[in-house]
Amino acid sequence: MQAAKDSFYMALRARLAGLNPARTVVIDGVTVPAIVVRENMEPRFNEAQAGVFYIDFGELLIAESTRPMLGLDCYIWYGSEGTTGGSGVDRGRVLAEMDDELVRICMPPHTEMLDYSQTPAADWGSGIFWTMPELGTAPGEAPIAKQQRSACEGRVARYAQLRIYFFLPEAEA
């Protein structure tokens, strides 16, 4: 499962770097594309920054067949405070730009599955694929409550949800 998560993240990270090289974040003094997996970050980075895509993985689903196919829910949070020096009057426009970027980096909705626990990454000989993101609010959160909370924070935010699918490698006999 970790290889599927890593492969998805690395594919989106590379695509974001190509699509919008200016969308970056500094983590521990290193500038990287502004997409991160929250579970891989140190707790001191828990507070989300505007202009960054944050990936959270959810439930693992198993579809039984001759070869089990796995599904993994994925949530991506991002938000905007705008670019006009604190007034926030263009934060909706910036959020719409991020909507577009997310949809574009999710296409095509597949990539190779690689094992990033080694250098160089090893090819598993299979791939992963995913649904296109559904843009909305956080699961279980009423849209109006989300809008009111975000307005108080000076930020507009969005959750996107998609599902990643992959096969476990076959055991060697």
Protein backbone atom coordinates (compact mmCIF):
# COMPACT_ATOMS: atom_id res chain seq x y z
CA MET A 1 0.00 0.00 0.00
CA GLN A 2 2.86 2.40 0.77
CA ALA A 3 4.19 2.07 -2.77
CA ALA A 4 0.78 3.13 -4.15
CA LYS A 5 0.65 6.16 -1.84
CA ASP A 6 4.20 7.17 -2.70
CA SER A 7 3.67 6.66 -6.44
CA PHE A 8 0.53 8.79 -6.42
CA TYR A 9 2.22 11.57 -4.46
CA MET A 10 5.40 11.57 -6.56
CA ALA A 11 3.39 11.64 -9.81
CA LEU A 12 1.32 14.63 -8.65
CA ARG A 13 4.40 16.38 -7.26
CA ALA A 14 6.28 16.06 -10.57
CA ARG A 15 3.23 17.20 -12.53
CA LEU A 16 2.73 20.25 -10.28
CA ALA A 17 6.40 21.21 -10.65
CA GLY A 18 5.98 21.09 -14.44
CA LEU A 19 2.62 22.86 -14.53
CA ASN A 20 3.32 25.68 -12.06
CA PRO A 21 6.97 25.84 -10.95
CA ALA A 22 6.14 28.92 -8.87
CA ARG A 23 3.76 26.98 -6.57
CA THR A 24 6.27 25.96 -3.91
CA VAL A 25 6.56 25.65 -0.15
CA VAL A 26 9.63 25.78 2.07
CA ILE A 27 10.00 22.81 4.44
CA ASP A 28 13.06 22.71 6.69
CA GLY A 29 14.76 25.30 4.52
CA VAL A 30 14.20 23.37 1.29
CA THR A 31 11.92 24.68 -1.44
CA VAL A 32 9.74 21.92 -2.89
CA PRO A 33 6.57 21.74 -5.01
CA ALA A 34 3.61 22.79 -2.84
CA ILE A 35 2.07 19.36 -2.40
CA VAL A 36 2.67 17.31 0.74
CA VAL A 37 1.41 14.15 2.41
CA ARG A 38 0.30 15.16 5.89
CA GLU A 39 1.13 11.77 7.49
CA ASN A 40 4.74 12.16 6.36
CA MET A 41 5.20 15.59 7.92
CA GLU A 42 6.60 16.36 11.35
CA PRO A 43 3.93 17.41 13.88
CA ARG A 44 5.31 20.97 13.96
CA PHE A 45 4.02 21.39 10.40
CA ASN A 46 0.43 20.51 11.37
CA GLU A 47 -0.99 23.95 10.59
CA ALA A 48 -1.90 24.06 6.92
CA GLN A 49 -0.53 26.91 4.81
CA ALA A 50 -2.54 28.58 2.09
CA GLY A 51 -1.41 27.79 -1.44
CA VAL A 52 -0.32 24.24 -0.61
CA PHE A 53 -2.05 20.95 -1.49
CA TYR A 54 -2.26 18.61 1.53
CA ILE A 55 -2.90 14.92 0.89
CA ASP A 56 -4.60 12.70 3.49
CA PHE A 57 -5.21 9.01 2.87
CA GLY A 58 -8.35 7.35 4.19
CA GLU A 59 -9.81 3.89 4.26
CA LEU A 60 -8.39 0.92 2.42
CA LEU A 61 -10.97 -1.05 0.46
CA ILE A 62 -10.49 -4.56 -0.87
CA ALA A 63 -12.36 -5.91 -3.90
CA GLU A 64 -12.04 -9.68 -3.97
CA SER A 65 -11.42 -11.28 -7.32
CA THR A 66 -8.89 -13.70 -8.75
CA ARG A 67 -6.32 -11.05 -7.86
CA PRO A 68 -7.36 -8.62 -5.11
CA MET A 69 -7.72 -5.04 -6.24
CA LEU A 70 -7.32 -2.45 -3.51
CA GLY A 71 -8.87 0.97 -3.28
CA LEU A 72 -7.63 3.82 -1.13
CA ASP A 73 -9.65 6.93 -0.37
CA CYS A 74 -7.69 10.14 -0.77
CA TYR A 75 -8.58 13.64 0.41
CA ILE A 76 -6.74 16.74 -0.73
CA TRP A 77 -7.13 20.00 1.19
CA TYR A 78 -6.03 23.36 -0.16
CA GLY A 79 -6.89 26.96 0.55
CA SER A 80 -6.24 30.54 -0.44
CA GLU A 81 -5.85 33.83 1.39
CA GLY A 82 -5.44 35.70 -1.90
CA THR A 83 -2.44 37.55 -3.26
CA THR A 84 -3.39 41.19 -2.71
CA GLY A 85 -1.43 41.97 0.44
CA GLY A 86 -3.84 40.77 3.09
CA SER A 87 -7.13 42.14 1.76
CA GLY A 88 -8.11 38.71 0.39
CA VAL A 89 -10.27 40.17 -2.37
CA ASP A 90 -8.90 37.69 -4.92
CA ARG A 91 -8.85 34.59 -2.72
CA GLY A 92 -11.72 32.98 -4.64
CA ARG A 93 -9.90 33.54 -7.92
CA VAL A 94 -6.72 31.98 -6.50
CA LEU A 95 -8.74 29.02 -5.16
CA ALA A 96 -10.22 28.53 -8.64
CA GLU A 97 -6.67 28.50 -10.06
CA MET A 98 -5.78 25.79 -7.56
CA ASP A 99 -8.93 23.85 -8.54
CA ASP A 100 -7.72 23.94 -12.13
CA GLU A 101 -4.19 22.90 -11.16
CA LEU A 102 -5.47 19.94 -9.15
CA VAL A 103 -7.65 18.69 -11.98
CA ARG A 104 -4.79 19.08 -14.45
CA ILE A 105 -2.16 17.30 -12.32
CA CYS A 106 -4.60 14.41 -11.82
CA MET A 107 -4.64 13.81 -15.60
CA PRO A 108 -3.93 11.30 -16.90
CA PRO A 109 -5.40 9.43 -13.94
CA HIS A 110 -2.68 6.77 -13.74
CA THR A 111 1.02 6.23 -13.16
CA GLU A 112 3.51 3.42 -12.66
CA MET A 113 3.81 1.92 -9.20
CA LEU A 114 7.33 2.32 -7.85
CA ASP A 115 8.98 1.36 -4.57
CA TYR A 116 10.46 4.60 -3.21
CA SER A 117 11.91 2.89 -0.12
CA GLN A 118 15.08 2.36 -2.15
CA THR A 119 17.24 4.51 -4.40
CA PRO A 120 16.72 4.45 -7.26
CA ALA A 121 13.05 3.62 -6.95
CA ALA A 122 12.24 0.09 -8.14
CA ASP A 123 9.50 -0.55 -10.68
CA TRP A 124 6.85 -2.96 -9.38
CA GLY A 125 5.79 -3.84 -12.92
CA SER A 126 2.25 -2.58 -12.37
CA GLY A 127 0.46 0.70 -12.11
CA ILE A 128 -2.03 2.64 -10.09
CA PHE A 129 -5.02 4.57 -11.34
CA TRP A 130 -7.52 6.91 -9.74
CA THR A 131 -10.83 8.63 -10.18
CA MET A 132 -10.95 12.30 -11.02
CA PRO A 133 -11.21 14.49 -7.93
CA GLU A 134 -14.62 15.59 -6.69
CA LEU A 135 -14.27 19.14 -5.40
CA GLY A 136 -16.27 20.00 -2.32
CA THR A 137 -16.11 20.30 1.44
CA ALA A 138 -14.62 18.03 4.07
CA PRO A 139 -16.46 14.73 4.63
CA GLY A 140 -19.24 15.20 7.18
CA GLU A 141 -18.92 18.98 7.23
CA ALA A 142 -21.83 21.18 6.18
CA PRO A 143 -20.85 23.57 3.36
CA ILE A 144 -22.17 26.66 5.16
CA ALA A 145 -20.21 25.86 8.36
CA LYS A 146 -17.06 25.44 6.28
CA GLN A 147 -17.63 28.78 4.55
CA GLN A 148 -18.26 30.58 7.85
CA ARG A 149 -15.16 29.12 9.51
CA SER A 150 -12.98 29.87 6.49
CA ALA A 151 -14.25 33.44 6.26
CA CYS A 152 -13.28 33.95 9.90
CA GLU A 153 -9.79 32.68 9.15
CA GLY A 154 -9.45 34.98 6.13
CA ARG A 155 -9.12 31.95 3.92
CA VAL A 156 -11.29 30.04 1.49
CA ALA A 157 -10.62 26.33 1.36
CA ARG A 158 -11.61 23.20 -0.49
CA TYR A 159 -11.45 19.46 0.01
CA ALA A 160 -11.19 17.23 -3.01
CA GLN A 161 -11.86 13.52 -2.80
CA LEU A 162 -10.78 10.73 -5.11
CA ARG A 163 -10.04 7.03 -4.92
CA ILE A 164 -6.80 5.32 -5.89
CA TYR A 165 -6.88 1.73 -7.21
CA PHE A 166 -4.03 -0.76 -7.41
CA PHE A 167 -3.17 -4.44 -7.28
CA LEU A 168 -0.83 -6.00 -4.78
CA PRO A 169 2.14 -7.64 -6.46
CA GLU A 170 1.68 -11.35 -6.95
CA ALA A 171 3.61 -13.53 -4.55
CA GLU A 172 6.42 -15.38 -6.20
CA ALA A 173 6.04 -19.15 -6.08
